[in-house]
PDB file of N, CA and C in Angstrom:
ATOM      1  N   UNK A   1     239.915 102.602  54.983  1.00  0.00           N
ATOM      2  CA  UNK A   1     240.159 102.419  53.831  1.00  0.00           C
ATOM      3  C   UNK A   1     241.451 102.743  53.266  1.00  0.00           C
ATOM      4  N   UNK A   2     241.665 102.234  51.687  1.00  0.00           N
ATOM      5  CA  UNK A   2     243.319 102.351  51.363  1.00  0.00           C
ATOM      6  C   UNK A   2     243.136 102.166  50.068  1.00  0.00           C
ATOM      7  N   UNK A   3     243.982 103.397  49.455  1.00  0.00           N
ATOM      8  CA  UNK A   3     244.041 102.911  47.811  1.00  0.00           C
ATOM      9  C   UNK A   3     244.619 101.712  47.375  1.00  0.00           C
ATOM     10  N   UNK A   4     244.233 101.656  46.507  1.00  0.00           N
ATOM     11  CA  UNK A   4     245.619 100.655  45.634  1.00  0.00           C
ATOM     12  C   UNK A   4     245.464 101.123  43.827  1.00  0.00           C
ATOM     13  N   UNK A   5     246.348  99.786  43.120  1.00  0.00           N
ATOM     14  CA  UNK A   5     246.649 100.351  42.349  1.00  0.00           C
ATOM     15  C   UNK A   5     246.692  98.814  41.508  1.00  0.00           C
ATOM     16  N   UNK A   6     246.016  98.931  39.656  1.00  0.00           N
ATOM     17  CA  UNK A   6     245.181  97.554  39.264  1.00  0.00           C
ATOM     18  C   UNK A   6     246.072  98.187  38.254  1.00  0.00           C
ATOM     19  N   UNK A   7     246.178  96.881  36.992  1.00  0.00           N
ATOM     20  CA  UNK A   7     246.115  97.417  35.406  1.00  0.00           C
ATOM     21  C   UNK A   7     245.332  96.394  34.749  1.00  0.00           C
ATOM     22  N   UNK A   8     244.950  95.926  33.326  1.00  0.00           N
ATOM     23  CA  UNK A   8     244.577  95.318  32.536  1.00  0.00           C
ATOM     24  C   UNK A   8     244.897  95.524  31.224  1.00  0.00           C
ATOM     25  N   UNK A   9     246.003  94.241  30.755  1.00  0.00           N
ATOM     26  CA  UNK A   9     246.431  94.735  29.038  1.00  0.00           C
ATOM     27  C   UNK A   9     245.571  93.880  28.366  1.00  0.00           C
ATOM     28  N   UNK A  10     244.962  94.269  26.929  1.00  0.00           N
ATOM     29  CA  UNK A  10     244.141  93.915  26.416  1.00  0.00           C
ATOM     30  C   UNK A  10     245.262  93.723  24.594  1.00  0.00           C
ATOM     31  N   UNK A  11     244.288  92.884  24.367  1.00  0.00           N
ATOM     32  CA  UNK A  11     245.526  93.350  22.591  1.00  0.00           C
ATOM     33  C   UNK A  11     244.963  93.220  22.117  1.00  0.00           C
ATOM     34  N   UNK A  12     244.425  94.429  21.423  1.00  0.00           N
ATOM     35  CA  UNK A  12     243.287  95.200  20.368  1.00  0.00           C
ATOM     36  C   UNK A  12     243.795  94.113  19.587  1.00  0.00           C
ATOM     37  N   UNK A  13     244.825  94.255  19.116  1.00  0.00           N
ATOM     38  CA  UNK A  13     244.504  93.017  17.918  1.00  0.00           C
ATOM     39  C   UNK A  13     244.521  91.916  17.224  1.00  0.00           C
ATOM     40  N   UNK A  14     244.196  91.682  17.758  1.00  0.00           N
ATOM     41  CA  UNK A  14     243.908  89.995  18.078  1.00  0.00           C
ATOM     42  C   UNK A  14     242.623  89.956  18.772  1.00  0.00           C
ATOM     43  N   UNK A  15     241.905  91.226  19.670  1.00  0.00           N
ATOM     44  CA  UNK A  15     241.253  90.272  20.922  1.00  0.00           C
ATOM     45  C   UNK A  15     240.745  89.854  21.943  1.00  0.00           C
ATOM     46  N   UNK A  16     241.955  90.185  22.051  1.00  0.00           N
ATOM     47  CA  UNK A  16     242.537  88.483  23.992  1.00  0.00           C
ATOM     48  C   UNK A  16     243.433  89.685  24.623  1.00  0.00           C
ATOM     49  N   UNK A  17     242.762  88.980  25.783  1.00  0.00           N
ATOM     50  CA  UNK A  17     244.020  89.228  26.402  1.00  0.00           C
ATOM     51  C   UNK A  17     245.255  89.385  26.633  1.00  0.00           C
ATOM     52  N   UNK A  18     246.544  89.770  27.067  1.00  0.00           N
ATOM     53  CA  UNK A  18     247.777  89.923  26.488  1.00  0.00           C
ATOM     54  C   UNK A  18     248.666  89.666  27.950  1.00  0.00           C
ATOM     55  N   UNK A  19     248.669  88.406  27.739  1.00  0.00           N
ATOM     56  CA  UNK A  19     249.476  87.332  28.880  1.00  0.00           C
ATOM     57  C   UNK A  19     250.783  87.558  28.687  1.00  0.00           C
ATOM     58  N   UNK A  20     251.495  87.680  29.976  1.00  0.00           N
ATOM     59  CA  UNK A  20     252.878  87.172  29.634  1.00  0.00           C
ATOM     60  C   UNK A  20     253.657  88.807  29.379  1.00  0.00           C
ATOM     61  N   UNK A  21     252.420  89.996  29.636  1.00  0.00           N
ATOM     62  CA  UNK A  21     253.801  91.089  29.582  1.00  0.00           C
ATOM     63  C   UNK A  21     254.263  91.531  30.812  1.00  0.00           C
ATOM     64  N   UNK A  22     255.507  91.379  30.914  1.00  0.00           N
ATOM     65  CA  UNK A  22     256.373  92.186  32.249  1.00  0.00           C
ATOM     66  C   UNK A  22     256.299  93.085  32.170  1.00  0.00           C
ATOM     67  N   UNK A  23     255.361  93.818  33.621  1.00  0.00           N
ATOM     68  CA  UNK A  23     254.929  94.811  34.089  1.00  0.00           C
ATOM     69  C   UNK A  23     256.309  95.865  35.398  1.00  0.00           C
ATOM     70  N   UNK A  24     257.080  96.795  35.081  1.00  0.00           N
ATOM     71  CA  UNK A  24     257.838  97.794  36.376  1.00  0.00           C
ATOM     72  C   UNK A  24     256.515  98.541  36.610  1.00  0.00           C
ATOM     73  N   UNK A  25     256.588  98.661  38.362  1.00  0.00           N
ATOM     74  CA  UNK A  25     256.078 100.382  39.178  1.00  0.00           C
ATOM     75  C   UNK A  25     257.155 101.408  39.344  1.00  0.00           C
ATOM     76  N   UNK A  26     257.581 101.972  38.804  1.00  0.00           N
ATOM     77  CA  UNK A  26     258.155 102.644  39.809  1.00  0.00           C
ATOM     78  C   UNK A  26     257.765 104.024  40.564  1.00  0.00           C
ATOM     79  N   UNK A  27     257.902 104.306  41.226  1.00  0.00           N
ATOM     80  CA  UNK A  27     257.660 105.653  42.258  1.00  0.00           C
ATOM     81  C   UNK A  27     259.115 107.026  41.432  1.00  0.00           C
ATOM     82  N   UNK A  28     257.827 108.197  41.038  1.00  0.00           N
ATOM     83  CA  UNK A  28     258.679 109.416  41.087  1.00  0.00           C
ATOM     84  C   UNK A  28     259.040 110.150  42.140  1.00  0.00           C
ATOM     85  N   UNK A  29     259.994 110.491  42.552  1.00  0.00           N
ATOM     86  CA  UNK A  29     259.734 111.408  42.945  1.00  0.00           C
ATOM     87  C   UNK A  29     261.161 113.084  42.688  1.00  0.00           C
ATOM     88  N   UNK A  30     260.800 113.922  42.678  1.00  0.00           N
ATOM     89  CA  UNK A  30     262.071 114.701  41.902  1.00  0.00           C
ATOM     90  C   UNK A  30     262.295 114.608  40.369  1.00  0.00           C
ATOM     91  N   UNK A  31     263.772 114.111  40.926  1.00  0.00           N
ATOM     92  CA  UNK A  31     264.426 113.662  39.564  1.00  0.00           C
ATOM     93  C   UNK A  31     264.946 111.966  39.655  1.00  0.00           C
ATOM     94  N   UNK A  32     264.307 111.549  41.159  1.00  0.00           N
ATOM     95  CA  UNK A  32     264.765 109.744  41.511  1.00  0.00           C
ATOM     96  C   UNK A  32     263.305 109.463  40.579  1.00  0.00           C
ATOM     97  N   UNK A  33     263.959 107.715  39.732  1.00  0.00           N
ATOM     98  CA  UNK A  33     263.048 106.452  39.465  1.00  0.00           C
ATOM     99  C   UNK A  33     263.075 105.926  40.041  1.00  0.00           C
ATOM    100  N   UNK A  34     262.257 105.331  41.508  1.00  0.00           N
ATOM    101  CA  UNK A  34     262.563 104.269  42.184  1.00  0.00           C
ATOM    102  C   UNK A  34     261.355 103.197  41.818  1.00  0.00           C
ATOM    103  N   UNK A  35     262.138 101.928  41.560  1.00  0.00           N
ATOM    104  CA  UNK A  35     261.803 100.683  41.420  1.00  0.00           C
ATOM    105  C   UNK A  35     260.682 100.483  42.212  1.00  0.00           C
ATOM    106  N   UNK A  36     259.265  99.811  42.484  1.00  0.00           N
ATOM    107  CA  UNK A  36     258.165  99.843  43.736  1.00  0.00           C
ATOM    108  C   UNK A  36     258.192  97.934  43.726  1.00  0.00           C
ATOM    109  N   UNK A  37     257.973  97.598  42.153  1.00  0.00           N
ATOM    110  CA  UNK A  37     257.406  96.413  41.866  1.00  0.00           C
ATOM    111  C   UNK A  37     257.521  95.820  40.871  1.00  0.00           C
ATOM    112  N   UNK A  38     258.415  94.372  40.101  1.00  0.00           N
ATOM    113  CA  UNK A  38     257.536  94.383  38.810  1.00  0.00           C
ATOM    114  C   UNK A  38     256.607  93.019  38.988  1.00  0.00           C
ATOM    115  N   UNK A  39     255.977  92.624  37.879  1.00  0.00           N
ATOM    116  CA  UNK A  39     255.324  91.334  37.904  1.00  0.00           C
ATOM    117  C   UNK A  39     254.595  90.752  36.342  1.00  0.00           C
ATOM    118  N   UNK A  40     254.473  90.361  36.141  1.00  0.00           N
ATOM    119  CA  UNK A  40     253.834  90.026  35.216  1.00  0.00           C
ATOM    120  C   UNK A  40     251.997  89.701  34.645  1.00  0.00           C
ATOM    121  N   UNK A  41     251.475  89.548  33.809  1.00  0.00           N
ATOM    122  CA  UNK A  41     250.195  89.479  33.565  1.00  0.00           C
ATOM    123  C   UNK A  41     249.912  88.322  33.035  1.00  0.00           C
ATOM    124  N   UNK A  42     249.074  88.024  33.578  1.00  0.00           N
ATOM    125  CA  UNK A  42     248.481  86.257  33.391  1.00  0.00           C
ATOM    126  C   UNK A  42     247.030  86.161  32.600  1.00  0.00           C
ATOM    127  N   UNK A  43     246.770  85.114  32.246  1.00  0.00           N
ATOM    128  CA  UNK A  43     246.220  84.333  31.173  1.00  0.00           C
ATOM    129  C   UNK A  43     244.509  85.406  31.187  1.00  0.00           C
ATOM    130  N   UNK A  44     244.378  86.219  31.852  1.00  0.00           N
ATOM    131  CA  UNK A  44     243.003  87.705  31.635  1.00  0.00           C
ATOM    132  C   UNK A  44     244.154  88.996  31.066  1.00  0.00           C
ATOM    133  N   UNK A  45     244.879  88.617  31.745  1.00  0.00           N
ATOM    134  CA  UNK A  45     245.811  90.430  30.845  1.00  0.00           C
ATOM    135  C   UNK A  45     245.864  91.012  32.132  1.00  0.00           C
ATOM    136  N   UNK A  46     245.672  90.277  33.454  1.00  0.00           N
ATOM    137  CA  UNK A  46     245.883  90.775  35.049  1.00  0.00           C
ATOM    138  C   UNK A  46     247.069  90.686  35.474  1.00  0.00           C
ATOM    139  N   UNK A  47     247.491  91.552  36.738  1.00  0.00           N
ATOM    140  CA  UNK A  47     248.262  91.025  37.028  1.00  0.00           C
ATOM    141  C   UNK A  47     247.641  90.508  38.916  1.00  0.00           C
ATOM    142  N   UNK A  48     248.217  88.883  39.194  1.00  0.00           N
ATOM    143  CA  UNK A  48     247.882  87.948  39.854  1.00  0.00           C
ATOM    144  C   UNK A  48     247.526  88.880  41.357  1.00  0.00           C
ATOM    145  N   UNK A  49     248.024  90.350  41.768  1.00  0.00           N
ATOM    146  CA  UNK A  49     247.444  90.833  42.732  1.00  0.00           C
ATOM    147  C   UNK A  49     247.656  92.189  42.563  1.00  0.00           C
ATOM    148  N   UNK A  50     247.317  92.875  42.574  1.00  0.00           N
ATOM    149  CA  UNK A  50     247.444  94.968  43.095  1.00  0.00           C
ATOM    150  C   UNK A  50     248.611  94.624  42.519  1.00  0.00           C
ATOM    151  N   UNK A  51     249.077  96.153  41.873  1.00  0.00           N
ATOM    152  CA  UNK A  51     250.491  96.187  41.583  1.00  0.00           C
ATOM    153  C   UNK A  51     251.277  96.332  42.307  1.00  0.00           C
ATOM    154  N   UNK A  52     249.810  97.776  42.971  1.00  0.00           N
ATOM    155  CA  UNK A  52     249.789  98.370  44.715  1.00  0.00           C
ATOM    156  C   UNK A  52     249.202  98.124  45.835  1.00  0.00           C
ATOM    157  N   UNK A  53     249.324  97.283  46.328  1.00  0.00           N
ATOM    158  CA  UNK A  53     248.582  97.275  47.758  1.00  0.00           C
ATOM    159  C   UNK A  53     248.224  98.277  48.210  1.00  0.00           C
ATOM    160  N   UNK A  54     247.138  97.740  48.718  1.00  0.00           N
ATOM    161  CA  UNK A  54     247.073  98.891  49.957  1.00  0.00           C
ATOM    162  C   UNK A  54     247.695  99.756  50.765  1.00  0.00           C
ATOM    163  N   UNK A  55     248.281  97.905  51.887  1.00  0.00           N
ATOM    164  CA  UNK A  55     249.163  98.093  52.737  1.00  0.00           C
ATOM    165  C   UNK A  55     250.458  98.695  52.009  1.00  0.00           C
ATOM    166  N   UNK A  56     251.185  98.890  50.243  1.00  0.00           N
ATOM    167  CA  UNK A  56     251.907  99.526  50.273  1.00  0.00           C
ATOM    168  C   UNK A  56     251.240 101.427  49.469  1.00  0.00           C
ATOM    169  N   UNK A  57     250.211 101.614  49.657  1.00  0.00           N
ATOM    170  CA  UNK A  57     250.008 102.337  48.518  1.00  0.00           C
ATOM    171  C   UNK A  57     250.057 104.252  49.034  1.00  0.00           C
ATOM    172  N   UNK A  58     251.048 104.898  48.122  1.00  0.00           N
ATOM    173  CA  UNK A  58     251.043 106.366  48.579  1.00  0.00           C
ATOM    174  C   UNK A  58     250.619 107.089  47.311  1.00  0.00           C
ATOM    175  N   UNK A  59     250.181 108.604  48.248  1.00  0.00           N
ATOM    176  CA  UNK A  59     249.989 109.186  46.629  1.00  0.00           C
ATOM    177  C   UNK A  59     250.517 109.924  46.235  1.00  0.00           C
ATOM    178  N   UNK A  60     251.170 109.998  44.658  1.00  0.00           N
ATOM    179  CA  UNK A  60     252.573 110.129  44.603  1.00  0.00           C
ATOM    180  C   UNK A  60     252.529 110.184  43.115  1.00  0.00           C
ATOM    181  N   UNK A  61     253.433 110.560  42.330  1.00  0.00           N
ATOM    182  CA  UNK A  61     253.760 110.230  41.318  1.00  0.00           C
ATOM    183  C   UNK A  61     254.536 108.886  40.816  1.00  0.00           C
ATOM    184  N   UNK A  62     253.736 108.369  39.476  1.00  0.00           N
ATOM    185  CA  UNK A  62     254.185 107.229  39.210  1.00  0.00           C
ATOM    186  C   UNK A  62     254.633 106.186  37.973  1.00  0.00           C
ATOM    187  N   UNK A  63     255.152 105.727  37.241  1.00  0.00           N
ATOM    188  CA  UNK A  63     255.367 105.243  35.893  1.00  0.00           C
ATOM    189  C   UNK A  63     255.064 103.494  35.801  1.00  0.00           C
ATOM    190  N   UNK A  64     253.764 103.426  35.613  1.00  0.00           N
ATOM    191  CA  UNK A  64     254.035 101.699  34.576  1.00  0.00           C
ATOM    192  C   UNK A  64     254.788 102.073  33.834  1.00  0.00           C
ATOM    193  N   UNK A  65     255.871 100.366  33.281  1.00  0.00           N
ATOM    194  CA  UNK A  65     256.426 100.366  32.165  1.00  0.00           C
ATOM    195  C   UNK A  65     255.718  98.969  31.760  1.00  0.00           C
ATOM    196  N   UNK A  66     255.258  99.046  30.599  1.00  0.00           N
ATOM    197  CA  UNK A  66     255.371  97.858  30.329  1.00  0.00           C
ATOM    198  C   UNK A  66     256.257  97.177  29.120  1.00  0.00           C
ATOM    199  N   UNK A  67     256.560  96.403  28.765  1.00  0.00           N
ATOM    200  CA  UNK A  67     257.926  95.194  28.026  1.00  0.00           C
ATOM    201  C   UNK A  67     256.435  94.825  27.293  1.00  0.00           C
ATOM    202  N   UNK A  68     256.739  95.548  25.806  1.00  0.00           N
ATOM    203  CA  UNK A  68     255.208  94.874  25.264  1.00  0.00           C
ATOM    204  C   UNK A  68     256.291  94.636  24.651  1.00  0.00           C
ATOM    205  N   UNK A  69     257.573  94.213  24.367  1.00  0.00           N
ATOM    206  CA  UNK A  69     258.498  93.650  23.250  1.00  0.00           C
ATOM    207  C   UNK A  69     258.504  92.066  22.815  1.00  0.00           C
ATOM    208  N   UNK A  70     258.325  91.661  24.470  1.00  0.00           N
ATOM    209  CA  UNK A  70     258.900  89.868  24.219  1.00  0.00           C
ATOM    210  C   UNK A  70     256.987  89.648  23.566  1.00  0.00           C
ATOM    211  N   UNK A  71     255.817  90.188  24.678  1.00  0.00           N
ATOM    212  CA  UNK A  71     254.862  90.180  23.922  1.00  0.00           C
ATOM    213  C   UNK A  71     254.679  89.451  21.916  1.00  0.00           C
ATOM    214  N   UNK A  72     255.023  90.815  21.917  1.00  0.00           N
ATOM    215  CA  UNK A  72     254.938  91.086  20.703  1.00  0.00           C
ATOM    216  C   UNK A  72     254.729  90.633  19.253  1.00  0.00           C
ATOM    217  N   UNK A  73     256.975  90.215  19.894  1.00  0.00           N
ATOM    218  CA  UNK A  73     257.285  89.360  19.188  1.00  0.00           C
ATOM    219  C   UNK A  73     256.856  87.645  19.041  1.00  0.00           C
ATOM    220  N   UNK A  74     256.549  87.599  20.195  1.00  0.00           N
ATOM    221  CA  UNK A  74     255.043  85.526  20.649  1.00  0.00           C
ATOM    222  C   UNK A  74     254.419  85.664  19.349  1.00  0.00           C
ATOM    223  N   UNK A  75     253.970  87.078  19.222  1.00  0.00           N
ATOM    224  CA  UNK A  75     252.494  87.025  18.428  1.00  0.00           C
ATOM    225  C   UNK A  75     252.998  86.988  16.988  1.00  0.00           C
ATOM    226  N   UNK A  76     254.002  87.538  16.959  1.00  0.00           N
ATOM    227  CA  UNK A  76     254.819  86.959  15.507  1.00  0.00           C
ATOM    228  C   UNK A  76     255.337  88.201  14.144  1.00  0.00           C
ATOM    229  N   UNK A  77     255.447  89.612  15.159  1.00  0.00           N
ATOM    230  CA  UNK A  77     255.069  90.776  14.728  1.00  0.00           C
ATOM    231  C   UNK A  77     257.362  90.469  14.624  1.00  0.00           C
ATOM    232  N   UNK A  78     257.277  90.901  13.430  1.00  0.00           N
ATOM    233  CA  UNK A  78     259.075  90.360  13.086  1.00  0.00           C
ATOM    234  C   UNK A  78     259.807  92.122  12.725  1.00  0.00           C
ATOM    235  N   UNK A  79     261.182  91.868  13.248  1.00  0.00           N
ATOM    236  CA  UNK A  79     262.179  93.195  12.635  1.00  0.00           C
ATOM    237  C   UNK A  79     263.085  93.054  13.547  1.00  0.00           C
ATOM    238  N   UNK A  80     263.921  93.901  13.637  1.00  0.00           N
ATOM    239  CA  UNK A  80     265.784  94.180  14.254  1.00  0.00           C
ATOM    240  C   UNK A  80     264.781  95.365  15.369  1.00  0.00           C
ATOM    241  N   UNK A  81     264.009  96.245  15.057  1.00  0.00           N
ATOM    242  CA  UNK A  81     263.981  97.179  15.680  1.00  0.00           C
ATOM    243  C   UNK A  81     261.876  97.139  15.893  1.00  0.00           C
ATOM    244  N   UNK A  82     261.076  96.955  17.070  1.00  0.00           N
ATOM    245  CA  UNK A  82     259.799  97.198  17.305  1.00  0.00           C
ATOM    246  C   UNK A  82     259.147  98.451  16.610  1.00  0.00           C
ATOM    247  N   UNK A  83     258.267  98.792  16.182  1.00  0.00           N
ATOM    248  CA  UNK A  83     257.763 100.287  16.608  1.00  0.00           C
ATOM    249  C   UNK A  83     257.397 101.065  17.873  1.00  0.00           C
ATOM    250  N   UNK A  84     256.858  98.953  18.518  1.00  0.00           N
ATOM    251  CA  UNK A  84     256.393  99.440  20.213  1.00  0.00           C
ATOM    252  C   UNK A  84     257.491  98.357  20.510  1.00  0.00           C
ATOM    253  N   UNK A  85     258.254  99.007  21.398  1.00  0.00           N
ATOM    254  CA  UNK A  85     258.654  97.831  23.088  1.00  0.00           C
ATOM    255  C   UNK A  85     258.594  98.136  24.214  1.00  0.00           C
ATOM    256  N   UNK A  86     259.191  99.277  25.076  1.00  0.00           N
ATOM    257  CA  UNK A  86     258.936  99.229  25.556  1.00  0.00           C
ATOM    258  C   UNK A  86     257.948 100.310  26.457  1.00  0.00           C
ATOM    259  N   UNK A  87     256.676 100.649  27.210  1.00  0.00           N
ATOM    260  CA  UNK A  87     255.743 101.428  26.521  1.00  0.00           C
ATOM    261  C   UNK A  87     255.773 102.397  28.117  1.00  0.00           C
ATOM    262  N   UNK A  88     256.228 103.134  28.404  1.00  0.00           N
ATOM    263  CA  UNK A  88     256.420 103.999  30.090  1.00  0.00           C
ATOM    264  C   UNK A  88     254.839 104.719  30.034  1.00  0.00           C
ATOM    265  N   UNK A  89     254.240 104.387  30.816  1.00  0.00           N
ATOM    266  CA  UNK A  89     252.945 105.794  31.569  1.00  0.00           C
ATOM    267  C   UNK A  89     253.546 106.465  32.482  1.00  0.00           C
ATOM    268  N   UNK A  90     253.634 107.966  33.146  1.00  0.00           N
ATOM    269  CA  UNK A  90     253.669 108.382  34.198  1.00  0.00           C
ATOM    270  C   UNK A  90     252.319 108.515  34.659  1.00  0.00           C
ATOM    271  N   UNK A  91     251.994 108.429  35.400  1.00  0.00           N
ATOM    272  CA  UNK A  91     250.337 109.480  36.180  1.00  0.00           C
ATOM    273  C   UNK A  91     250.582 109.593  37.959  1.00  0.00           C
ATOM    274  N   UNK A  92     249.696 110.474  38.179  1.00  0.00           N
ATOM    275  CA  UNK A  92     249.691 110.976  39.209  1.00  0.00           C
ATOM    276  C   UNK A  92     247.902 110.654  40.066  1.00  0.00           C
ATOM    277  N   UNK A  93     248.583 110.058  41.451  1.00  0.00           N
ATOM    278  CA  UNK A  93     247.271 109.845  41.939  1.00  0.00           C
ATOM    279  C   UNK A  93     247.633 110.269  43.411  1.00  0.00           C
ATOM    280  N   UNK A  94     246.353 111.210  43.332  1.00  0.00           N
ATOM    281  CA  UNK A  94     246.754 112.239  44.586  1.00  0.00           C
ATOM    282  C   UNK A  94     244.984 111.636  45.492  1.00  0.00           C
ATOM    283  N   UNK A  95     244.656 111.253  46.141  1.00  0.00           N
ATOM    284  CA  UNK A  95     243.565 109.875  46.568  1.00  0.00           C
ATOM    285  C   UNK A  95     244.038 108.825  46.915  1.00  0.00           C
ATOM    286  N   UNK A  96     244.241 109.045  48.802  1.00  0.00           N
ATOM    287  CA  UNK A  96     244.554 108.062  49.171  1.00  0.00           C
ATOM    288  C   UNK A  96     243.716 106.935  49.630  1.00  0.00           C
ATOM    289  N   UNK A  97     242.289 106.717  49.158  1.00  0.00           N
ATOM    290  CA  UNK A  97     241.525 105.879  49.229  1.00  0.00           C
ATOM    291  C   UNK A  97     241.287 105.378  48.221  1.00  0.00           C
ATOM    292  N   UNK A  98     241.501 106.261  47.223  1.00  0.00           N
ATOM    293  CA  UNK A  98     240.806 105.727  45.349  1.00  0.00           C
ATOM    294  C   UNK A  98     241.189 104.496  45.204  1.00  0.00           C
ATOM    295  N   UNK A  99     240.801 103.569  44.507  1.00  0.00           N
ATOM    296  CA  UNK A  99     240.988 103.000  43.676  1.00  0.00           C
ATOM    297  C   UNK A  99     241.609 103.241  42.049  1.00  0.00           C
ATOM    298  N   UNK A 100     242.830 103.191  41.807  1.00  0.00           N
ATOM    299  CA  UNK A 100     243.451 103.496  40.732  1.00  0.00           C
ATOM    300  C   UNK A 100     243.660 102.356  39.302  1.00  0.00           C
ATOM    301  N   UNK A 101     243.163 101.986  37.906  1.00  0.00           N
ATOM    302  CA  UNK A 101     243.448 101.606  37.502  1.00  0.00           C
ATOM    303  C   UNK A 101     243.395 102.140  36.168  1.00  0.00           C
ATOM    304  N   UNK A 102     244.528 101.392  35.819  1.00  0.00           N
ATOM    305  CA  UNK A 102     245.640 102.202  35.006  1.00  0.00           C
ATOM    306  C   UNK A 102     246.031 101.368  33.486  1.00  0.00           C
ATOM    307  N   UNK A 103     244.422 100.854  32.717  1.00  0.00           N
ATOM    308  CA  UNK A 103     244.103  99.903  31.547  1.00  0.00           C
ATOM    309  C   UNK A 103     245.382 100.489  30.116  1.00  0.00           C
ATOM    310  N   UNK A 104     246.292  99.276  29.827  1.00  0.00           N
ATOM    311  CA  UNK A 104     246.922  99.559  28.349  1.00  0.00           C
ATOM    312  C   UNK A 104     245.960  98.701  27.174  1.00  0.00           C
ATOM    313  N   UNK A 105     245.787  99.544  26.216  1.00  0.00           N
ATOM    314  CA  UNK A 105     244.983  99.038  25.214  1.00  0.00           C
ATOM    315  C   UNK A 105     246.099  98.712  23.744  1.00  0.00           C
ATOM    316  N   UNK A 106     246.238  97.521  23.259  1.00  0.00           N
ATOM    317  CA  UNK A 106     248.480  97.540  23.411  1.00  0.00           C
ATOM    318  C   UNK A 106     247.445  96.799  21.364  1.00  0.00           C
ATOM    319  N   UNK A 107     247.941  97.412  20.085  1.00  0.00           N
ATOM    320  CA  UNK A 107     248.623  96.882  19.426  1.00  0.00           C
ATOM    321  C   UNK A 107     250.300  96.321  18.841  1.00  0.00           C
ATOM    322  N   UNK A 108     250.591  96.247  17.620  1.00  0.00           N
ATOM    323  CA  UNK A 108     251.682  96.189  17.142  1.00  0.00           C
ATOM    324  C   UNK A 108     251.851  98.069  17.045  1.00  0.00           C
ATOM    325  N   UNK A 109     251.792  98.575  16.127  1.00  0.00           N
ATOM    326  CA  UNK A 109     251.851 100.216  16.252  1.00  0.00           C
ATOM    327  C   UNK A 109     250.656 100.896  16.966  1.00  0.00           C
ATOM    328  N   UNK A 110     250.352 101.013  17.722  1.00  0.00           N
ATOM    329  CA  UNK A 110     249.570 101.397  18.624  1.00  0.00           C
ATOM    330  C   UNK A 110     249.684 101.356  19.943  1.00  0.00           C
ATOM    331  N   UNK A 111     248.450 102.327  20.887  1.00  0.00           N
ATOM    332  CA  UNK A 111     248.369 101.482  21.955  1.00  0.00           C
ATOM    333  C   UNK A 111     247.354 102.801  22.911  1.00  0.00           C
ATOM    334  N   UNK A 112     246.744 102.926  24.251  1.00  0.00           N
ATOM    335  CA  UNK A 112     245.674 103.822  24.777  1.00  0.00           C
ATOM    336  C   UNK A 112     246.165 102.582  26.638  1.00  0.00           C
ATOM    337  N   UNK A 113     245.871 103.896  26.532  1.00  0.00           N
ATOM    338  CA  UNK A 113     245.335 104.515  28.641  1.00  0.00           C
ATOM    339  C   UNK A 113     244.260 104.992  29.079  1.00  0.00           C
ATOM    340  N   UNK A 114     243.766 105.128  29.543  1.00  0.00           N
ATOM    341  CA  UNK A 114     243.016 105.589  30.413  1.00  0.00           C
ATOM    342  C   UNK A 114     242.602 105.806  32.281  1.00  0.00           C
ATOM    343  N   UNK A 115     242.395 106.220  32.540  1.00  0.00           N
ATOM    344  CA  UNK A 115     241.714 106.053  34.556  1.00  0.00           C
ATOM    345  C   UNK A 115     240.298 104.550  34.532  1.00  0.00           C
ATOM    346  N   UNK A 116     240.826 103.613  34.352  1.00  0.00           N
ATOM    347  CA  UNK A 116     240.018 102.931  34.168  1.00  0.00           C
ATOM    348  C   UNK A 116     239.275 102.568  36.098  1.00  0.00           C
ATOM    349  N   UNK A 117     238.173 102.266  36.032  1.00  0.00           N
ATOM    350  CA  UNK A 117     237.564 101.310  37.211  1.00  0.00           C
ATOM    351  C   UNK A 117     237.627 100.790  37.726  1.00  0.00           C
TER     352      UNK A 117
END
């Protein structure tokens, strides 16, 4: 058995999955921040494959960056500067056999996350 990482983005203001949000995953080692993969959410607000599949999974500290600004603009949020644009979430994974799920609940003026299942 090996661990893996997934996500899901829900637009809580509109009550629908957030489609087309670009997501980048970085591995954090000391002061280094190394890009692992970039993906986008599908029509269900999920990525088509795990962000970090079992064959690539390693424990450690990671950062997901959700590029929400383009999505919010496409939904009609206006302004030269958005309240939320890039949303970084830094977290640790210490169980090599666990499924880590880091969802994002998004609205134009707030977000939340948690360790899901």
